[in-house]
Every structure is written in C-alpha cells, then in structure tokens.
Amino acid sequence: MVCFEDLKKSIILEYLNRERHASVQGSSTRRTVLRQFLTYLEDNNWVNDKTLHHVIPTKAAGTTRIVTILSSDQVSGIDLFRQDCSSSIDLRDMAMVMIGLRLGFRTSDVINLKLADIDWIRKEVSIIQYKTKVPITLPLCTDVGNAIFRYLKYGRRFHESG
C-alpha cells in the first residue's frame, strides 16, 4: 500500500485472520481501535470505500469463566487453620480470608474495609465496592464476625490514638 486510498476490505480481512492475541479482550480492544481508525479515515475522505469499518466484527467470541470451587480438603484445611491460628498476622490473614471467601469480597474491598463498615448490632457489612462503585450490604456471617472479632481482640495492637 502506498496510501490509504489503496486500503481494501480484503487487506483488512487478511490482517484480521493473521492477528493473534493472547486474550479475547486484547483482540477485542485491537479490533475496536482499528474500527475507530477506519471510521476516522472514512469520515475525513481519506478512503474511497466508506464501508471499510463494517468488515470488522463488533463482538468478539464470548469467554468462558471457570469458577474455582474449593475441595473438601481445602475447606477442612482452612477450618483447622482458623481454629489453631493465634499470632496477630495469622488472625489478620484469617479474618481477611473469611471476608473474601464467605462474603465474596474482591481483594480491594477486603483491603479497604473499615470498622465503620460493620454494623455489629444488625450483623451487616455495608461497603461501596472499589471496582464498580456500587454500594452493597451483606449479612455478617457468624464465622466471619468471629474471625474479625478474634483479630481485633487478640491480634490487633491497641493504640491510644485509635
């Protein structure tokens, strides 16, 4: 090709067939950018064919999400560790694991959790999710509440300043 006017649908299709990306999201992003660029060329009369952007599919193939389920041995291991942990780090880690596992919080939400987010009387946890900015309120399960309480009572150092 010497200029954009030489650009044909067959060239774009050949490119799309040769393009390999590690992920569906990466391929989809590249195709979106290419479609926008072609539309720009068409709108500014840099190409003769004003339908070049139609060659690029608007949707990529769907992805299959694999749900990880803990085995009974893994659950037993967590239960044993939960009963036996006593150091401040272990108590903290167990509280974080329980919050993530039982409440389904993302790592960022576990890290940003504050005492003010927990209503001990209503047995609820209310947060604004870090990723989506969507507020949620979930019931505070007994085992999660106990893990947090054990960390606060026996693992967290007391400071006069709060």
N, C-alpha and C. Protein backbone atom coordinates (compact mmCIF):
# COMPACT_ATOMS: atom_id res chain seq x y z
N MET A 1 0.84 -1.19 0.00
CA MET A 1 0.00 0.00 0.00
C MET A 1 0.87 1.24 0.00
N VAL A 2 0.46 2.20 -0.77
CA VAL A 2 1.18 3.47 -0.85
C VAL A 2 0.41 4.56 -0.11
N CYS A 3 -0.91 4.48 -0.17
CA CYS A 3 -1.73 5.48 0.51
C CYS A 3 -3.01 4.82 1.03
N PHE A 4 -3.75 5.52 1.85
CA PHE A 4 -4.97 4.98 2.44
C PHE A 4 -6.02 4.63 1.39
N GLU A 5 -5.99 5.31 0.26
CA GLU A 5 -6.95 5.01 -0.81
C GLU A 5 -6.78 3.59 -1.34
N ASP A 6 -5.59 3.02 -1.13
CA ASP A 6 -5.32 1.65 -1.58
C ASP A 6 -5.90 0.60 -0.62
N LEU A 7 -6.38 1.04 0.51
CA LEU A 7 -6.90 0.13 1.52
C LEU A 7 -8.20 -0.52 1.04
N LYS A 8 -8.23 -1.85 1.08
CA LYS A 8 -9.39 -2.62 0.62
C LYS A 8 -9.85 -3.55 1.74
N LYS A 9 -11.10 -3.98 1.63
CA LYS A 9 -11.65 -4.91 2.63
C LYS A 9 -10.83 -6.19 2.70
N SER A 10 -10.34 -6.64 1.57
CA SER A 10 -9.56 -7.89 1.55
C SER A 10 -8.28 -7.76 2.38
N ILE A 11 -7.67 -6.59 2.37
CA ILE A 11 -6.45 -6.36 3.17
C ILE A 11 -6.79 -6.40 4.66
N ILE A 12 -7.89 -5.78 5.02
CA ILE A 12 -8.31 -5.77 6.43
C ILE A 12 -8.65 -7.18 6.89
N LEU A 13 -9.38 -7.93 6.07
CA LEU A 13 -9.72 -9.31 6.42
C LEU A 13 -8.48 -10.18 6.57
N GLU A 14 -7.50 -9.98 5.70
CA GLU A 14 -6.24 -10.73 5.80
C GLU A 14 -5.54 -10.42 7.11
N TYR A 15 -5.52 -9.15 7.48
CA TYR A 15 -4.92 -8.75 8.75
C TYR A 15 -5.66 -9.41 9.92
N LEU A 16 -6.98 -9.37 9.90
CA LEU A 16 -7.76 -9.96 10.99
C LEU A 16 -7.53 -11.46 11.12
N ASN A 17 -7.34 -12.14 9.99
CA ASN A 17 -7.09 -13.58 10.02
C ASN A 17 -5.71 -13.91 10.55
N ARG A 18 -4.75 -13.04 10.34
CA ARG A 18 -3.37 -13.27 10.81
C ARG A 18 -3.14 -12.82 12.25
N GLU A 19 -3.95 -11.89 12.70
CA GLU A 19 -3.76 -11.32 14.04
C GLU A 19 -3.96 -12.39 15.11
N ARG A 20 -3.03 -12.48 16.01
CA ARG A 20 -3.12 -13.40 17.14
C ARG A 20 -2.88 -12.62 18.42
N HIS A 21 -3.77 -12.81 19.36
CA HIS A 21 -3.63 -12.12 20.65
C HIS A 21 -3.73 -13.14 21.76
N ALA A 22 -3.09 -12.85 22.87
CA ALA A 22 -3.09 -13.78 23.99
C ALA A 22 -4.46 -13.91 24.64
N SER A 23 -5.27 -12.87 24.56
CA SER A 23 -6.58 -12.92 25.21
C SER A 23 -7.66 -12.39 24.27
N VAL A 24 -8.89 -12.79 24.56
CA VAL A 24 -10.03 -12.30 23.79
C VAL A 24 -10.16 -10.79 23.98
N GLN A 25 -9.91 -10.32 25.22
CA GLN A 25 -10.02 -8.89 25.50
C GLN A 25 -9.01 -8.09 24.69
N GLY A 26 -7.78 -8.59 24.58
CA GLY A 26 -6.76 -7.89 23.80
C GLY A 26 -7.13 -7.81 22.33
N SER A 27 -7.63 -8.90 21.80
CA SER A 27 -8.06 -8.92 20.40
C SER A 27 -9.24 -7.98 20.19
N SER A 28 -10.18 -8.00 21.11
CA SER A 28 -11.35 -7.13 21.01
C SER A 28 -10.94 -5.66 21.05
N THR A 29 -10.00 -5.33 21.93
CA THR A 29 -9.53 -3.95 22.04
C THR A 29 -8.86 -3.51 20.74
N ARG A 30 -8.02 -4.36 20.19
CA ARG A 30 -7.32 -4.03 18.95
C ARG A 30 -8.33 -3.81 17.83
N ARG A 31 -9.34 -4.65 17.74
CA ARG A 31 -10.35 -4.51 16.69
C ARG A 31 -11.17 -3.24 16.87
N THR A 32 -11.46 -2.88 18.11
CA THR A 32 -12.21 -1.64 18.37
C THR A 32 -11.42 -0.43 17.92
N VAL A 33 -10.14 -0.41 18.23
CA VAL A 33 -9.28 0.71 17.82
C VAL A 33 -9.20 0.78 16.29
N LEU A 34 -9.04 -0.38 15.66
CA LEU A 34 -8.96 -0.41 14.20
C LEU A 34 -10.25 0.08 13.57
N ARG A 35 -11.39 -0.35 14.11
CA ARG A 35 -12.69 0.09 13.59
C ARG A 35 -12.82 1.61 13.72
N GLN A 36 -12.40 2.17 14.85
CA GLN A 36 -12.46 3.62 15.05
C GLN A 36 -11.55 4.35 14.06
N PHE A 37 -10.37 3.80 13.82
CA PHE A 37 -9.44 4.41 12.88
C PHE A 37 -10.01 4.39 11.46
N LEU A 38 -10.61 3.27 11.07
CA LEU A 38 -11.21 3.18 9.74
C LEU A 38 -12.37 4.18 9.60
N THR A 39 -13.17 4.32 10.65
CA THR A 39 -14.26 5.29 10.61
C THR A 39 -13.71 6.70 10.47
N TYR A 40 -12.63 6.99 11.15
CA TYR A 40 -11.98 8.29 11.03
C TYR A 40 -11.53 8.53 9.58
N LEU A 41 -10.89 7.53 8.98
CA LEU A 41 -10.45 7.66 7.58
C LEU A 41 -11.65 7.89 6.65
N GLU A 42 -12.72 7.18 6.89
CA GLU A 42 -13.92 7.32 6.05
C GLU A 42 -14.55 8.71 6.22
N ASP A 43 -14.67 9.16 7.46
CA ASP A 43 -15.29 10.46 7.74
C ASP A 43 -14.49 11.62 7.15
N ASN A 44 -13.19 11.44 7.04
CA ASN A 44 -12.33 12.51 6.54
C ASN A 44 -11.93 12.32 5.08
N ASN A 45 -12.63 11.42 4.41
CA ASN A 45 -12.44 11.18 2.98
C ASN A 45 -11.01 10.77 2.61
N TRP A 46 -10.38 10.01 3.46
CA TRP A 46 -9.04 9.50 3.17
C TRP A 46 -9.11 8.19 2.40
N VAL A 47 -10.30 7.56 2.41
CA VAL A 47 -10.50 6.30 1.68
C VAL A 47 -11.72 6.46 0.79
N ASN A 48 -11.75 5.68 -0.30
CA ASN A 48 -12.89 5.73 -1.22
C ASN A 48 -14.08 4.94 -0.70
N ASP A 49 -13.80 3.79 -0.09
CA ASP A 49 -14.86 2.90 0.40
C ASP A 49 -15.27 3.36 1.82
N LYS A 50 -16.50 3.82 1.94
CA LYS A 50 -16.99 4.33 3.24
C LYS A 50 -17.58 3.23 4.11
N THR A 51 -17.38 1.98 3.72
CA THR A 51 -17.93 0.86 4.50
C THR A 51 -16.82 -0.08 5.00
N LEU A 52 -15.59 0.38 4.96
CA LEU A 52 -14.48 -0.48 5.39
C LEU A 52 -14.65 -0.95 6.84
N HIS A 53 -15.15 -0.07 7.68
CA HIS A 53 -15.25 -0.42 9.11
C HIS A 53 -16.24 -1.56 9.36
N HIS A 54 -17.14 -1.83 8.40
CA HIS A 54 -18.12 -2.90 8.56
C HIS A 54 -17.48 -4.30 8.48
N VAL A 55 -16.28 -4.37 7.96
CA VAL A 55 -15.58 -5.65 7.84
C VAL A 55 -15.21 -6.21 9.21
N ILE A 56 -15.00 -5.33 10.17
CA ILE A 56 -14.55 -5.75 11.50
C ILE A 56 -15.76 -6.11 12.36
N PRO A 57 -15.79 -7.34 12.88
CA PRO A 57 -16.93 -7.72 13.72
C PRO A 57 -17.01 -6.84 14.96
N THR A 58 -18.23 -6.54 15.38
CA THR A 58 -18.39 -5.67 16.55
C THR A 58 -18.31 -6.43 17.85
N LYS A 59 -18.45 -7.72 17.81
CA LYS A 59 -18.37 -8.51 19.04
C LYS A 59 -17.37 -9.63 18.84
N ALA A 60 -16.60 -9.85 19.90
CA ALA A 60 -15.66 -10.97 19.88
C ALA A 60 -16.37 -12.20 20.44
N ALA A 61 -15.74 -13.31 20.28
CA ALA A 61 -16.30 -14.54 20.83
C ALA A 61 -16.40 -14.43 22.34
N GLY A 62 -17.42 -15.00 22.89
CA GLY A 62 -17.61 -14.96 24.34
C GLY A 62 -16.54 -15.75 25.07
N THR A 63 -16.33 -15.39 26.30
CA THR A 63 -15.35 -16.10 27.11
C THR A 63 -16.08 -16.99 28.11
N THR A 64 -15.44 -18.05 28.48
CA THR A 64 -15.99 -18.94 29.49
C THR A 64 -15.21 -18.70 30.78
N ARG A 65 -15.93 -18.46 31.83
CA ARG A 65 -15.30 -18.19 33.11
C ARG A 65 -15.29 -19.48 33.91
N ILE A 66 -14.15 -19.82 34.44
CA ILE A 66 -14.02 -21.02 35.24
C ILE A 66 -14.20 -20.63 36.71
N VAL A 67 -15.19 -21.24 37.34
CA VAL A 67 -15.45 -20.96 38.74
C VAL A 67 -14.60 -21.91 39.57
N THR A 68 -13.83 -21.34 40.48
CA THR A 68 -12.99 -22.14 41.34
C THR A 68 -13.79 -22.55 42.57
N ILE A 69 -13.84 -23.82 42.80
CA ILE A 69 -14.53 -24.36 43.97
C ILE A 69 -13.49 -25.06 44.82
N LEU A 70 -13.51 -24.74 46.10
CA LEU A 70 -12.56 -25.37 47.00
C LEU A 70 -12.94 -26.83 47.22
N SER A 71 -11.93 -27.67 47.28
CA SER A 71 -12.17 -29.08 47.59
C SER A 71 -12.49 -29.21 49.07
N SER A 72 -13.04 -30.36 49.46
CA SER A 72 -13.35 -30.57 50.88
C SER A 72 -12.08 -30.56 51.72
N ASP A 73 -10.96 -31.02 51.15
CA ASP A 73 -9.69 -30.98 51.87
C ASP A 73 -9.24 -29.53 52.11
N GLN A 74 -9.43 -28.69 51.11
CA GLN A 74 -9.06 -27.28 51.26
C GLN A 74 -9.93 -26.60 52.31
N VAL A 75 -11.23 -26.89 52.29
CA VAL A 75 -12.13 -26.31 53.28
C VAL A 75 -11.76 -26.79 54.68
N SER A 76 -11.45 -28.07 54.82
CA SER A 76 -11.02 -28.61 56.11
C SER A 76 -9.74 -27.95 56.58
N GLY A 77 -8.81 -27.73 55.65
CA GLY A 77 -7.55 -27.07 55.99
C GLY A 77 -7.77 -25.65 56.49
N ILE A 78 -8.68 -24.94 55.85
CA ILE A 78 -9.00 -23.57 56.30
C ILE A 78 -9.63 -23.61 57.68
N ASP A 79 -10.55 -24.55 57.90
CA ASP A 79 -11.20 -24.67 59.21
C ASP A 79 -10.20 -25.00 60.31
N LEU A 80 -9.27 -25.92 60.02
CA LEU A 80 -8.24 -26.26 61.02
C LEU A 80 -7.36 -25.05 61.32
N PHE A 81 -6.92 -24.36 60.29
CA PHE A 81 -6.08 -23.19 60.49
C PHE A 81 -6.82 -22.12 61.28
N ARG A 82 -8.10 -21.95 60.97
CA ARG A 82 -8.90 -20.93 61.65
C ARG A 82 -8.97 -21.21 63.14
N GLN A 83 -9.11 -22.48 63.52
CA GLN A 83 -9.19 -22.85 64.93
C GLN A 83 -7.86 -22.71 65.64
N ASP A 84 -6.77 -22.97 64.93
CA ASP A 84 -5.45 -23.01 65.56
C ASP A 84 -4.67 -21.71 65.48
N CYS A 85 -5.04 -20.79 64.64
CA CYS A 85 -4.22 -19.59 64.47
C CYS A 85 -4.27 -18.72 65.74
N SER A 86 -3.13 -18.13 66.06
CA SER A 86 -3.07 -17.31 67.27
C SER A 86 -2.18 -16.08 67.13
N SER A 87 -1.24 -16.09 66.20
CA SER A 87 -0.38 -14.91 66.05
C SER A 87 -1.20 -13.79 65.42
N SER A 88 -0.77 -12.56 65.62
CA SER A 88 -1.52 -11.43 65.10
C SER A 88 -1.63 -11.47 63.58
N ILE A 89 -0.57 -11.89 62.92
CA ILE A 89 -0.59 -11.97 61.45
C ILE A 89 -1.55 -13.07 61.00
N ASP A 90 -1.51 -14.23 61.68
CA ASP A 90 -2.42 -15.32 61.31
C ASP A 90 -3.87 -14.92 61.54
N LEU A 91 -4.15 -14.24 62.65
CA LEU A 91 -5.51 -13.80 62.94
C LEU A 91 -5.99 -12.79 61.90
N ARG A 92 -5.10 -11.88 61.51
CA ARG A 92 -5.44 -10.90 60.47
C ARG A 92 -5.71 -11.59 59.15
N ASP A 93 -4.79 -12.49 58.76
CA ASP A 93 -4.95 -13.20 57.49
C ASP A 93 -6.23 -14.03 57.47
N MET A 94 -6.54 -14.68 58.59
CA MET A 94 -7.75 -15.49 58.63
C MET A 94 -9.00 -14.62 58.51
N ALA A 95 -9.00 -13.47 59.16
CA ALA A 95 -10.15 -12.56 59.03
C ALA A 95 -10.31 -12.13 57.57
N MET A 96 -9.20 -11.82 56.91
CA MET A 96 -9.25 -11.40 55.51
C MET A 96 -9.73 -12.53 54.60
N VAL A 97 -9.23 -13.74 54.85
CA VAL A 97 -9.65 -14.90 54.05
C VAL A 97 -11.14 -15.16 54.22
N MET A 98 -11.61 -15.09 55.46
CA MET A 98 -13.03 -15.36 55.72
C MET A 98 -13.91 -14.31 55.06
N ILE A 99 -13.49 -13.05 55.12
CA ILE A 99 -14.27 -11.99 54.47
C ILE A 99 -14.34 -12.24 52.96
N GLY A 100 -13.21 -12.59 52.38
CA GLY A 100 -13.18 -12.85 50.94
C GLY A 100 -13.99 -14.08 50.55
N LEU A 101 -13.81 -15.16 51.30
CA LEU A 101 -14.48 -16.41 50.94
C LEU A 101 -15.98 -16.38 51.21
N ARG A 102 -16.37 -15.93 52.38
CA ARG A 102 -17.78 -16.03 52.77
C ARG A 102 -18.63 -14.88 52.26
N LEU A 103 -18.03 -13.68 52.15
CA LEU A 103 -18.80 -12.54 51.67
C LEU A 103 -18.59 -12.30 50.17
N GLY A 104 -17.56 -12.93 49.61
CA GLY A 104 -17.30 -12.78 48.18
C GLY A 104 -16.68 -11.44 47.82
N PHE A 105 -16.04 -10.80 48.79
CA PHE A 105 -15.42 -9.50 48.51
C PHE A 105 -14.19 -9.68 47.63
N ARG A 106 -13.98 -8.72 46.76
CA ARG A 106 -12.73 -8.65 46.00
C ARG A 106 -11.61 -8.26 46.95
N THR A 107 -10.38 -8.54 46.54
CA THR A 107 -9.23 -8.21 47.35
C THR A 107 -9.23 -6.73 47.71
N SER A 108 -9.52 -5.87 46.74
CA SER A 108 -9.51 -4.42 47.00
C SER A 108 -10.55 -4.04 48.05
N ASP A 109 -11.68 -4.74 48.08
CA ASP A 109 -12.71 -4.44 49.07
C ASP A 109 -12.32 -4.93 50.46
N VAL A 110 -11.63 -6.06 50.53
CA VAL A 110 -11.15 -6.56 51.82
C VAL A 110 -10.12 -5.58 52.38
N ILE A 111 -9.21 -5.13 51.54
CA ILE A 111 -8.15 -4.22 51.99
C ILE A 111 -8.73 -2.89 52.46
N ASN A 112 -9.77 -2.41 51.80
CA ASN A 112 -10.35 -1.11 52.14
C ASN A 112 -11.44 -1.16 53.21
N LEU A 113 -11.75 -2.35 53.73
CA LEU A 113 -12.79 -2.49 54.74
C LEU A 113 -12.40 -1.75 56.01
N LYS A 114 -13.36 -1.01 56.57
CA LYS A 114 -13.14 -0.26 57.80
C LYS A 114 -14.11 -0.74 58.86
N LEU A 115 -13.75 -0.52 60.13
CA LEU A 115 -14.64 -0.92 61.23
C LEU A 115 -16.02 -0.27 61.09
N ALA A 116 -16.04 0.95 60.58
CA ALA A 116 -17.31 1.66 60.43
C ALA A 116 -18.23 0.98 59.40
N ASP A 117 -17.67 0.11 58.56
CA ASP A 117 -18.47 -0.60 57.56
C ASP A 117 -19.26 -1.77 58.16
N ILE A 118 -18.92 -2.13 59.40
CA ILE A 118 -19.54 -3.28 60.04
C ILE A 118 -20.56 -2.80 61.07
N ASP A 119 -21.79 -3.26 60.90
CA ASP A 119 -22.84 -2.97 61.89
C ASP A 119 -23.02 -4.25 62.70
N TRP A 120 -22.40 -4.26 63.89
CA TRP A 120 -22.40 -5.45 64.73
C TRP A 120 -23.81 -5.76 65.26
N ILE A 121 -24.62 -4.74 65.48
CA ILE A 121 -25.97 -4.95 66.02
C ILE A 121 -26.87 -5.59 64.96
N ARG A 122 -26.84 -5.05 63.76
CA ARG A 122 -27.67 -5.61 62.67
C ARG A 122 -27.02 -6.83 62.01
N LYS A 123 -25.77 -7.06 62.34
CA LYS A 123 -24.98 -8.16 61.74
C LYS A 123 -24.93 -7.99 60.22
N GLU A 124 -24.46 -6.81 59.79
CA GLU A 124 -24.35 -6.48 58.37
C GLU A 124 -23.01 -5.81 58.08
N VAL A 125 -22.58 -5.97 56.85
CA VAL A 125 -21.40 -5.27 56.34
C VAL A 125 -21.86 -4.47 55.14
N SER A 126 -21.60 -3.15 55.17
CA SER A 126 -22.00 -2.27 54.07
C SER A 126 -20.77 -1.58 53.53
N ILE A 127 -20.56 -1.72 52.22
CA ILE A 127 -19.42 -1.07 51.57
C ILE A 127 -19.86 -0.50 50.23
N ILE A 128 -19.02 0.37 49.69
CA ILE A 128 -19.14 0.78 48.29
C ILE A 128 -17.99 0.05 47.60
N GLN A 129 -18.35 -0.83 46.67
CA GLN A 129 -17.33 -1.65 46.04
C GLN A 129 -16.31 -0.78 45.31
N TYR A 130 -15.06 -1.11 45.51
CA TYR A 130 -13.97 -0.32 44.95
C TYR A 130 -13.98 -0.34 43.43
N LYS A 131 -14.19 -1.50 42.83
CA LYS A 131 -14.12 -1.63 41.37
C LYS A 131 -15.32 -1.01 40.67
N THR A 132 -16.52 -1.31 41.16
CA THR A 132 -17.74 -0.91 40.46
C THR A 132 -18.39 0.34 41.03
N LYS A 133 -17.97 0.75 42.22
CA LYS A 133 -18.55 1.90 42.94
C LYS A 133 -20.02 1.65 43.31
N VAL A 134 -20.44 0.40 43.32
CA VAL A 134 -21.81 0.03 43.66
C VAL A 134 -21.88 -0.28 45.16
N PRO A 135 -22.81 0.35 45.89
CA PRO A 135 -22.94 0.03 47.32
C PRO A 135 -23.62 -1.32 47.51
N ILE A 136 -23.12 -2.08 48.48
CA ILE A 136 -23.77 -3.36 48.81
C ILE A 136 -23.81 -3.52 50.33
N THR A 137 -24.82 -4.22 50.79
CA THR A 137 -24.93 -4.59 52.20
C THR A 137 -25.15 -6.09 52.24
N LEU A 138 -24.30 -6.77 53.02
CA LEU A 138 -24.37 -8.21 53.12
C LEU A 138 -24.49 -8.62 54.59
N PRO A 139 -25.12 -9.76 54.84
CA PRO A 139 -25.20 -10.23 56.22
C PRO A 139 -23.81 -10.63 56.72
N LEU A 140 -23.53 -10.32 57.96
CA LEU A 140 -22.26 -10.69 58.58
C LEU A 140 -22.42 -12.09 59.16
N CYS A 141 -21.87 -13.07 58.47
CA CYS A 141 -21.95 -14.47 58.94
C CYS A 141 -21.23 -14.59 60.28
N THR A 142 -21.69 -15.52 61.08
CA THR A 142 -21.10 -15.71 62.41
C THR A 142 -19.62 -16.02 62.34
N ASP A 143 -19.22 -16.91 61.41
CA ASP A 143 -17.80 -17.27 61.33
C ASP A 143 -16.93 -16.11 60.87
N VAL A 144 -17.47 -15.27 60.02
CA VAL A 144 -16.72 -14.08 59.58
C VAL A 144 -16.63 -13.09 60.73
N GLY A 145 -17.75 -12.85 61.40
CA GLY A 145 -17.75 -11.94 62.55
C GLY A 145 -16.79 -12.41 63.63
N ASN A 146 -16.77 -13.72 63.89
CA ASN A 146 -15.86 -14.26 64.90
C ASN A 146 -14.40 -14.09 64.48
N ALA A 147 -14.10 -14.29 63.21
CA ALA A 147 -12.72 -14.13 62.73
C ALA A 147 -12.28 -12.67 62.87
N ILE A 148 -13.16 -11.74 62.54
CA ILE A 148 -12.82 -10.32 62.68
C ILE A 148 -12.66 -9.97 64.16
N PHE A 149 -13.58 -10.45 64.99
CA PHE A 149 -13.52 -10.19 66.43
C PHE A 149 -12.22 -10.73 67.04
N ARG A 150 -11.87 -11.97 66.69
CA ARG A 150 -10.62 -12.56 67.22
C ARG A 150 -9.42 -11.72 66.83
N TYR A 151 -9.40 -11.25 65.60
CA TYR A 151 -8.28 -10.40 65.18
C TYR A 151 -8.27 -9.10 65.98
N LEU A 152 -9.42 -8.46 66.10
CA LEU A 152 -9.48 -7.19 66.83
C LEU A 152 -9.11 -7.35 68.30
N LYS A 153 -9.58 -8.42 68.91
CA LYS A 153 -9.38 -8.63 70.35
C LYS A 153 -7.98 -9.14 70.66
N TYR A 154 -7.48 -10.08 69.89
CA TYR A 154 -6.23 -10.76 70.24
C TYR A 154 -5.07 -10.48 69.29
N GLY A 155 -5.33 -9.96 68.12
CA GLY A 155 -4.26 -9.81 67.14
C GLY A 155 -3.86 -8.38 66.85
N ARG A 156 -4.78 -7.48 66.99
CA ARG A 156 -4.50 -6.09 66.65
C ARG A 156 -3.94 -5.35 67.85
N ARG A 157 -2.90 -4.63 67.61
CA ARG A 157 -2.30 -3.84 68.70
C ARG A 157 -3.18 -2.65 69.02
N PHE A 158 -3.31 -2.36 70.28
CA PHE A 158 -4.11 -1.22 70.73
C PHE A 158 -3.25 0.04 70.68
N HIS A 159 -3.82 1.11 70.13
CA HIS A 159 -3.14 2.39 70.07
C HIS A 159 -4.02 3.44 70.72
N GLU A 160 -3.43 4.29 71.53
CA GLU A 160 -4.18 5.36 72.20
C GLU A 160 -4.87 6.27 71.20
N SER A 161 -4.24 6.49 70.04
CA SER A 161 -4.78 7.40 69.05
C SER A 161 -5.93 6.80 68.27
N GLY A 162 -6.20 5.53 68.44
CA GLY A 162 -7.33 4.90 67.75
C GLY A 162 -6.87 3.96 66.78
